[in-house]
Amino acid sequence: MDKQYQARAEQVALNVCNHVIPMDKVPANLMEAYANLCQELLEDKEQKFADQWQAMPASAKALLPQADFHGFYIANAWLQLSRVAQDIAELAETDEAIDEKEYNNIFTRLSDASLKESVKKLKKARTDRALLNNIKSVID
């Protein structure tokens, strides 16, 4: 992955997230978590993203550049992780017991689910022009 690819994927992820959460208002510790998530998903050490991208039909891959799709997936993972973190915080505030086992490997499960969901959306966008336009509108 070259610096241009990485920069584009990071910019797309930020653009998508900004449509849901004003990222300039996110506390520093959460921005650090966001940056770590971006880096980990960009590195793709287990080749999950690369394998899914290669397995996608050419007609789906033609809809978006790989870096844009990578950023879209990263944003999806961040937004899902943010929702779960908020739920955990609310549970903790109400003094309900939080079962650690339930949240072990949450990042892996969420990122896998996000990748699956992102792939599904891009495949569907081949025949759903409104969906494709929505995806493109949040990317830029």
N, C-alpha and C. Protein backbone atom coordinates (compact mmCIF):
# COMPACT_ATOMS: atom_id res chain seq x y z
N MET A 1 0.84 -1.17 0.00
CA MET A 1 0.00 0.00 0.00
C MET A 1 0.89 1.24 0.00
N ASP A 2 0.69 2.09 -0.96
CA ASP A 2 1.50 3.30 -1.02
C ASP A 2 0.84 4.43 -0.22
N LYS A 3 1.59 5.51 -0.04
CA LYS A 3 1.10 6.63 0.77
C LYS A 3 -0.13 7.28 0.16
N GLN A 4 -0.21 7.32 -1.16
CA GLN A 4 -1.37 7.92 -1.82
C GLN A 4 -2.63 7.10 -1.54
N TYR A 5 -2.52 5.78 -1.63
CA TYR A 5 -3.64 4.89 -1.32
C TYR A 5 -4.07 5.10 0.13
N GLN A 6 -3.11 5.08 1.05
CA GLN A 6 -3.40 5.24 2.46
C GLN A 6 -4.07 6.58 2.73
N ALA A 7 -3.54 7.65 2.15
CA ALA A 7 -4.10 8.99 2.37
C ALA A 7 -5.54 9.06 1.85
N ARG A 8 -5.78 8.46 0.68
CA ARG A 8 -7.13 8.50 0.11
C ARG A 8 -8.11 7.69 0.99
N ALA A 9 -7.71 6.50 1.41
CA ALA A 9 -8.58 5.67 2.25
C ALA A 9 -8.88 6.39 3.57
N GLU A 10 -7.87 7.02 4.16
CA GLU A 10 -8.08 7.75 5.41
C GLU A 10 -9.02 8.93 5.20
N GLN A 11 -8.86 9.65 4.08
CA GLN A 11 -9.73 10.80 3.80
C GLN A 11 -11.17 10.36 3.58
N VAL A 12 -11.36 9.27 2.84
CA VAL A 12 -12.70 8.75 2.61
C VAL A 12 -13.35 8.34 3.93
N ALA A 13 -12.60 7.63 4.78
CA ALA A 13 -13.13 7.20 6.08
C ALA A 13 -13.56 8.42 6.90
N LEU A 14 -12.75 9.45 6.91
CA LEU A 14 -13.07 10.66 7.65
C LEU A 14 -14.31 11.33 7.07
N ASN A 15 -14.38 11.41 5.75
CA ASN A 15 -15.54 12.02 5.09
C ASN A 15 -16.83 11.29 5.46
N VAL A 16 -16.79 9.97 5.40
CA VAL A 16 -17.98 9.18 5.70
C VAL A 16 -18.37 9.37 7.17
N CYS A 17 -17.40 9.28 8.06
CA CYS A 17 -17.69 9.45 9.49
C CYS A 17 -18.27 10.83 9.78
N ASN A 18 -17.76 11.85 9.10
CA ASN A 18 -18.24 13.21 9.33
C ASN A 18 -19.71 13.38 8.99
N HIS A 19 -20.25 12.52 8.16
CA HIS A 19 -21.68 12.60 7.84
C HIS A 19 -22.52 12.13 9.02
N VAL A 20 -21.93 11.39 9.94
CA VAL A 20 -22.66 10.84 11.08
C VAL A 20 -22.23 11.50 12.39
N ILE A 21 -20.93 11.64 12.56
CA ILE A 21 -20.36 12.20 13.79
C ILE A 21 -19.42 13.34 13.39
N PRO A 22 -19.63 14.54 13.92
CA PRO A 22 -18.66 15.61 13.62
C PRO A 22 -17.31 15.26 14.23
N MET A 23 -16.40 14.78 13.40
CA MET A 23 -15.13 14.25 13.89
C MET A 23 -14.26 15.31 14.56
N ASP A 24 -14.45 16.58 14.22
CA ASP A 24 -13.67 17.63 14.88
C ASP A 24 -14.14 17.87 16.31
N LYS A 25 -15.27 17.27 16.69
CA LYS A 25 -15.80 17.40 18.05
C LYS A 25 -15.51 16.16 18.90
N VAL A 26 -14.90 15.14 18.30
CA VAL A 26 -14.60 13.90 19.00
C VAL A 26 -13.44 14.14 19.97
N PRO A 27 -13.57 13.70 21.23
CA PRO A 27 -12.48 13.89 22.20
C PRO A 27 -11.16 13.25 21.72
N ALA A 28 -10.07 13.79 22.21
CA ALA A 28 -8.74 13.36 21.77
C ALA A 28 -8.52 11.86 21.95
N ASN A 29 -8.98 11.30 23.07
CA ASN A 29 -8.74 9.87 23.29
C ASN A 29 -9.51 9.02 22.28
N LEU A 30 -10.69 9.49 21.86
CA LEU A 30 -11.44 8.75 20.83
C LEU A 30 -10.82 8.94 19.46
N MET A 31 -10.24 10.10 19.21
CA MET A 31 -9.55 10.31 17.93
C MET A 31 -8.33 9.41 17.84
N GLU A 32 -7.68 9.20 18.97
CA GLU A 32 -6.53 8.29 19.00
C GLU A 32 -7.00 6.86 18.70
N ALA A 33 -8.13 6.48 19.28
CA ALA A 33 -8.70 5.15 19.01
C ALA A 33 -9.08 5.03 17.53
N TYR A 34 -9.64 6.10 16.99
CA TYR A 34 -10.01 6.13 15.57
C TYR A 34 -8.77 5.95 14.69
N ALA A 35 -7.71 6.68 15.01
CA ALA A 35 -6.46 6.58 14.24
C ALA A 35 -5.88 5.17 14.31
N ASN A 36 -5.93 4.57 15.50
CA ASN A 36 -5.43 3.20 15.65
C ASN A 36 -6.26 2.22 14.83
N LEU A 37 -7.57 2.40 14.85
CA LEU A 37 -8.46 1.54 14.06
C LEU A 37 -8.14 1.68 12.58
N CYS A 38 -8.01 2.91 12.12
CA CYS A 38 -7.68 3.14 10.70
C CYS A 38 -6.39 2.42 10.32
N GLN A 39 -5.38 2.60 11.14
CA GLN A 39 -4.09 1.99 10.83
C GLN A 39 -4.19 0.47 10.79
N GLU A 40 -4.87 -0.11 11.77
CA GLU A 40 -5.00 -1.56 11.82
C GLU A 40 -5.77 -2.10 10.61
N LEU A 41 -6.85 -1.44 10.25
CA LEU A 41 -7.64 -1.92 9.11
C LEU A 41 -6.95 -1.65 7.78
N LEU A 42 -6.14 -0.61 7.72
CA LEU A 42 -5.37 -0.37 6.50
C LEU A 42 -4.26 -1.41 6.35
N GLU A 43 -3.62 -1.76 7.45
CA GLU A 43 -2.54 -2.76 7.39
C GLU A 43 -3.07 -4.11 6.94
N ASP A 44 -4.27 -4.46 7.35
CA ASP A 44 -4.94 -5.69 6.89
C ASP A 44 -4.02 -6.90 7.00
N LYS A 45 -3.44 -7.08 8.19
CA LYS A 45 -2.45 -8.14 8.40
C LYS A 45 -2.99 -9.54 8.08
N GLU A 46 -4.27 -9.75 8.34
CA GLU A 46 -4.85 -11.07 8.06
C GLU A 46 -5.43 -11.16 6.65
N GLN A 47 -5.24 -10.13 5.86
CA GLN A 47 -5.67 -10.10 4.46
C GLN A 47 -7.18 -10.26 4.27
N LYS A 48 -7.94 -9.92 5.29
CA LYS A 48 -9.40 -10.06 5.18
C LYS A 48 -9.96 -9.10 4.12
N PHE A 49 -9.52 -7.83 4.18
CA PHE A 49 -10.01 -6.87 3.20
C PHE A 49 -9.54 -7.26 1.80
N ALA A 50 -8.26 -7.55 1.67
CA ALA A 50 -7.71 -7.90 0.36
C ALA A 50 -8.42 -9.11 -0.24
N ASP A 51 -8.68 -10.11 0.58
CA ASP A 51 -9.37 -11.31 0.09
C ASP A 51 -10.79 -10.99 -0.36
N GLN A 52 -11.49 -10.17 0.42
CA GLN A 52 -12.87 -9.80 0.05
C GLN A 52 -12.88 -8.97 -1.23
N TRP A 53 -11.92 -8.06 -1.35
CA TRP A 53 -11.84 -7.21 -2.55
C TRP A 53 -11.59 -8.08 -3.78
N GLN A 54 -10.66 -9.02 -3.67
CA GLN A 54 -10.36 -9.89 -4.80
C GLN A 54 -11.53 -10.79 -5.17
N ALA A 55 -12.31 -11.20 -4.17
CA ALA A 55 -13.43 -12.11 -4.42
C ALA A 55 -14.65 -11.40 -5.01
N MET A 56 -14.68 -10.08 -4.93
CA MET A 56 -15.83 -9.35 -5.45
C MET A 56 -15.88 -9.41 -6.97
N PRO A 57 -17.09 -9.44 -7.51
CA PRO A 57 -17.21 -9.42 -8.97
C PRO A 57 -16.61 -8.13 -9.55
N ALA A 58 -16.08 -8.23 -10.73
CA ALA A 58 -15.47 -7.07 -11.39
C ALA A 58 -16.46 -5.93 -11.52
N SER A 59 -17.73 -6.25 -11.73
CA SER A 59 -18.74 -5.21 -11.88
C SER A 59 -18.91 -4.40 -10.59
N ALA A 60 -18.70 -5.02 -9.45
CA ALA A 60 -18.78 -4.29 -8.18
C ALA A 60 -17.50 -3.47 -7.97
N LYS A 61 -16.36 -4.06 -8.28
CA LYS A 61 -15.08 -3.35 -8.10
C LYS A 61 -14.98 -2.14 -9.02
N ALA A 62 -15.69 -2.18 -10.13
CA ALA A 62 -15.64 -1.06 -11.09
C ALA A 62 -16.38 0.17 -10.57
N LEU A 63 -17.21 0.00 -9.55
CA LEU A 63 -18.01 1.11 -9.04
C LEU A 63 -17.21 2.12 -8.23
N LEU A 64 -16.19 1.63 -7.53
CA LEU A 64 -15.37 2.49 -6.67
C LEU A 64 -13.90 2.07 -6.75
N PRO A 65 -12.99 3.03 -6.64
CA PRO A 65 -11.59 2.65 -6.51
C PRO A 65 -11.39 1.87 -5.21
N GLN A 66 -10.42 1.00 -5.18
CA GLN A 66 -10.17 0.17 -4.01
C GLN A 66 -9.93 1.02 -2.76
N ALA A 67 -9.17 2.09 -2.87
CA ALA A 67 -8.89 2.93 -1.71
C ALA A 67 -10.17 3.56 -1.17
N ASP A 68 -11.08 3.96 -2.05
CA ASP A 68 -12.35 4.54 -1.61
C ASP A 68 -13.18 3.50 -0.86
N PHE A 69 -13.21 2.29 -1.39
CA PHE A 69 -13.97 1.24 -0.74
C PHE A 69 -13.34 0.88 0.61
N HIS A 70 -12.03 0.88 0.66
CA HIS A 70 -11.32 0.58 1.91
C HIS A 70 -11.70 1.63 2.97
N GLY A 71 -11.70 2.89 2.59
CA GLY A 71 -12.09 3.95 3.52
C GLY A 71 -13.54 3.84 3.94
N PHE A 72 -14.41 3.47 3.02
CA PHE A 72 -15.83 3.28 3.32
C PHE A 72 -15.99 2.19 4.37
N TYR A 73 -15.27 1.10 4.20
CA TYR A 73 -15.31 -0.01 5.15
C TYR A 73 -14.77 0.41 6.52
N ILE A 74 -13.67 1.15 6.54
CA ILE A 74 -13.09 1.62 7.80
C ILE A 74 -14.09 2.49 8.55
N ALA A 75 -14.75 3.40 7.83
CA ALA A 75 -15.75 4.27 8.47
C ALA A 75 -16.90 3.44 9.03
N ASN A 76 -17.34 2.46 8.28
CA ASN A 76 -18.42 1.60 8.73
C ASN A 76 -18.02 0.90 10.03
N ALA A 77 -16.80 0.39 10.08
CA ALA A 77 -16.30 -0.28 11.30
C ALA A 77 -16.24 0.70 12.46
N TRP A 78 -15.75 1.91 12.22
CA TRP A 78 -15.63 2.91 13.28
C TRP A 78 -17.02 3.27 13.82
N LEU A 79 -17.96 3.47 12.94
CA LEU A 79 -19.30 3.86 13.38
C LEU A 79 -19.96 2.75 14.19
N GLN A 80 -19.77 1.51 13.77
CA GLN A 80 -20.32 0.40 14.54
C GLN A 80 -19.63 0.28 15.90
N LEU A 81 -18.32 0.43 15.92
CA LEU A 81 -17.58 0.36 17.17
C LEU A 81 -17.99 1.51 18.10
N SER A 82 -18.23 2.68 17.55
CA SER A 82 -18.65 3.83 18.35
C SER A 82 -19.99 3.57 19.02
N ARG A 83 -20.91 2.97 18.26
CA ARG A 83 -22.23 2.65 18.83
C ARG A 83 -22.11 1.66 19.98
N VAL A 84 -21.30 0.63 19.79
CA VAL A 84 -21.12 -0.37 20.83
C VAL A 84 -20.45 0.25 22.06
N ALA A 85 -19.46 1.09 21.84
CA ALA A 85 -18.78 1.75 22.96
C ALA A 85 -19.75 2.63 23.74
N GLN A 86 -20.64 3.30 23.02
CA GLN A 86 -21.64 4.14 23.69
C GLN A 86 -22.59 3.27 24.52
N ASP A 87 -23.00 2.14 23.96
CA ASP A 87 -23.87 1.21 24.70
C ASP A 87 -23.19 0.71 25.96
N ILE A 88 -21.90 0.37 25.86
CA ILE A 88 -21.15 -0.13 27.01
C ILE A 88 -21.06 0.97 28.07
N ALA A 89 -20.80 2.20 27.64
CA ALA A 89 -20.69 3.31 28.59
C ALA A 89 -22.03 3.54 29.30
N GLU A 90 -23.11 3.44 28.55
CA GLU A 90 -24.44 3.62 29.17
C GLU A 90 -24.73 2.51 30.17
N LEU A 91 -24.34 1.30 29.84
CA LEU A 91 -24.53 0.19 30.77
C LEU A 91 -23.74 0.42 32.05
N ALA A 92 -22.51 0.89 31.87
CA ALA A 92 -21.65 1.14 33.04
C ALA A 92 -22.23 2.24 33.90
N GLU A 93 -22.82 3.27 33.26
CA GLU A 93 -23.39 4.38 34.01
C GLU A 93 -24.60 3.94 34.83
N THR A 94 -25.30 2.93 34.38
CA THR A 94 -26.48 2.47 35.11
C THR A 94 -26.12 1.35 36.09
N ASP A 95 -24.84 1.14 36.29
CA ASP A 95 -24.33 0.14 37.23
C ASP A 95 -24.74 -1.29 36.90
N GLU A 96 -25.12 -1.52 35.66
CA GLU A 96 -25.39 -2.90 35.26
C GLU A 96 -24.06 -3.61 35.07
N ALA A 97 -24.03 -4.87 35.39
CA ALA A 97 -22.79 -5.63 35.25
C ALA A 97 -22.48 -5.80 33.77
N ILE A 98 -21.24 -5.60 33.44
CA ILE A 98 -20.79 -5.79 32.06
C ILE A 98 -19.95 -7.05 32.05
N ASP A 99 -20.39 -8.01 31.29
CA ASP A 99 -19.69 -9.28 31.19
C ASP A 99 -18.53 -9.11 30.21
N GLU A 100 -17.32 -9.16 30.73
CA GLU A 100 -16.15 -8.94 29.87
C GLU A 100 -16.08 -9.93 28.73
N LYS A 101 -16.48 -11.15 28.99
CA LYS A 101 -16.42 -12.16 27.93
C LYS A 101 -17.26 -11.75 26.73
N GLU A 102 -18.36 -11.06 27.01
CA GLU A 102 -19.24 -10.62 25.93
C GLU A 102 -18.54 -9.63 25.01
N TYR A 103 -17.61 -8.86 25.57
CA TYR A 103 -16.95 -7.82 24.79
C TYR A 103 -15.55 -8.19 24.34
N ASN A 104 -15.07 -9.38 24.71
CA ASN A 104 -13.77 -9.83 24.21
C ASN A 104 -13.86 -10.00 22.70
N ASN A 105 -12.84 -9.62 22.03
CA ASN A 105 -12.76 -9.72 20.57
C ASN A 105 -13.86 -8.95 19.86
N ILE A 106 -14.42 -7.95 20.52
CA ILE A 106 -15.50 -7.17 19.92
C ILE A 106 -15.01 -6.47 18.65
N PHE A 107 -13.78 -5.99 18.70
CA PHE A 107 -13.25 -5.29 17.53
C PHE A 107 -13.21 -6.22 16.32
N THR A 108 -12.73 -7.43 16.53
CA THR A 108 -12.63 -8.39 15.42
C THR A 108 -14.01 -8.72 14.87
N ARG A 109 -14.94 -8.97 15.75
CA ARG A 109 -16.30 -9.30 15.30
C ARG A 109 -16.94 -8.13 14.56
N LEU A 110 -16.76 -6.92 15.08
CA LEU A 110 -17.35 -5.75 14.43
C LEU A 110 -16.69 -5.44 13.10
N SER A 111 -15.37 -5.55 13.04
CA SER A 111 -14.71 -5.25 11.77
C SER A 111 -15.06 -6.29 10.71
N ASP A 112 -15.18 -7.56 11.12
CA ASP A 112 -15.61 -8.59 10.17
C ASP A 112 -17.03 -8.33 9.67
N ALA A 113 -17.92 -7.96 10.59
CA ALA A 113 -19.30 -7.67 10.21
C ALA A 113 -19.37 -6.43 9.32
N SER A 114 -18.55 -5.45 9.61
CA SER A 114 -18.52 -4.23 8.80
C SER A 114 -18.03 -4.51 7.39
N LEU A 115 -17.03 -5.36 7.29
CA LEU A 115 -16.51 -5.71 5.97
C LEU A 115 -17.59 -6.44 5.17
N LYS A 116 -18.23 -7.39 5.80
CA LYS A 116 -19.29 -8.15 5.14
C LYS A 116 -20.42 -7.21 4.68
N GLU A 117 -20.82 -6.28 5.55
CA GLU A 117 -21.88 -5.34 5.22
C GLU A 117 -21.46 -4.40 4.09
N SER A 118 -20.22 -3.94 4.13
CA SER A 118 -19.72 -3.04 3.09
C SER A 118 -19.68 -3.73 1.73
N VAL A 119 -19.21 -4.97 1.71
CA VAL A 119 -19.18 -5.74 0.46
C VAL A 119 -20.59 -5.93 -0.08
N LYS A 120 -21.50 -6.26 0.81
CA LYS A 120 -22.90 -6.47 0.42
C LYS A 120 -23.48 -5.20 -0.20
N LYS A 121 -23.20 -4.05 0.42
CA LYS A 121 -23.71 -2.78 -0.11
C LYS A 121 -23.14 -2.48 -1.49
N LEU A 122 -21.84 -2.71 -1.66
CA LEU A 122 -21.23 -2.41 -2.95
C LEU A 122 -21.77 -3.33 -4.03
N LYS A 123 -21.95 -4.60 -3.71
CA LYS A 123 -22.54 -5.53 -4.68
C LYS A 123 -23.95 -5.10 -5.05
N LYS A 124 -24.72 -4.71 -4.05
CA LYS A 124 -26.10 -4.28 -4.30
C LYS A 124 -26.13 -3.00 -5.13
N ALA A 125 -25.13 -2.15 -4.94
CA ALA A 125 -25.08 -0.87 -5.66
C ALA A 125 -24.93 -1.06 -7.17
N ARG A 126 -24.57 -2.27 -7.59
CA ARG A 126 -24.47 -2.53 -9.04
C ARG A 126 -25.82 -2.36 -9.71
N THR A 127 -26.90 -2.68 -9.00
CA THR A 127 -28.24 -2.59 -9.59
C THR A 127 -29.11 -1.55 -8.91
N ASP A 128 -28.59 -0.91 -7.88
CA ASP A 128 -29.35 0.09 -7.14
C ASP A 128 -28.62 1.43 -7.24
N ARG A 129 -29.01 2.21 -8.23
CA ARG A 129 -28.33 3.47 -8.52
C ARG A 129 -28.42 4.45 -7.35
N ALA A 130 -29.55 4.46 -6.64
CA ALA A 130 -29.71 5.35 -5.49
C ALA A 130 -28.69 5.00 -4.40
N LEU A 131 -28.51 3.71 -4.16
CA LEU A 131 -27.53 3.28 -3.16
C LEU A 131 -26.13 3.70 -3.58
N LEU A 132 -25.79 3.49 -4.83
CA LEU A 132 -24.47 3.89 -5.33
C LEU A 132 -24.28 5.40 -5.17
N ASN A 133 -25.30 6.17 -5.51
CA ASN A 133 -25.20 7.63 -5.37
C ASN A 133 -25.04 8.03 -3.91
N ASN A 134 -25.73 7.33 -3.00
CA ASN A 134 -25.58 7.62 -1.57
C ASN A 134 -24.18 7.31 -1.10
N ILE A 135 -23.64 6.17 -1.51
CA ILE A 135 -22.28 5.81 -1.13
C ILE A 135 -21.30 6.87 -1.62
N LYS A 136 -21.44 7.24 -2.88
CA LYS A 136 -20.52 8.23 -3.45
C LYS A 136 -20.67 9.59 -2.78
N SER A 137 -21.89 9.93 -2.38
CA SER A 137 -22.10 11.25 -1.76
C SER A 137 -21.43 11.35 -0.40
N VAL A 138 -21.35 10.25 0.34
CA VAL A 138 -20.70 10.32 1.66
C VAL A 138 -19.20 10.17 1.55
N ILE A 139 -18.71 9.63 0.45
CA ILE A 139 -17.28 9.45 0.27
C ILE A 139 -16.59 10.77 0.00
N ASP A 140 -17.21 11.62 -0.79
CA ASP A 140 -16.56 12.90 -1.16
C ASP A 140 -17.08 14.07 -0.37
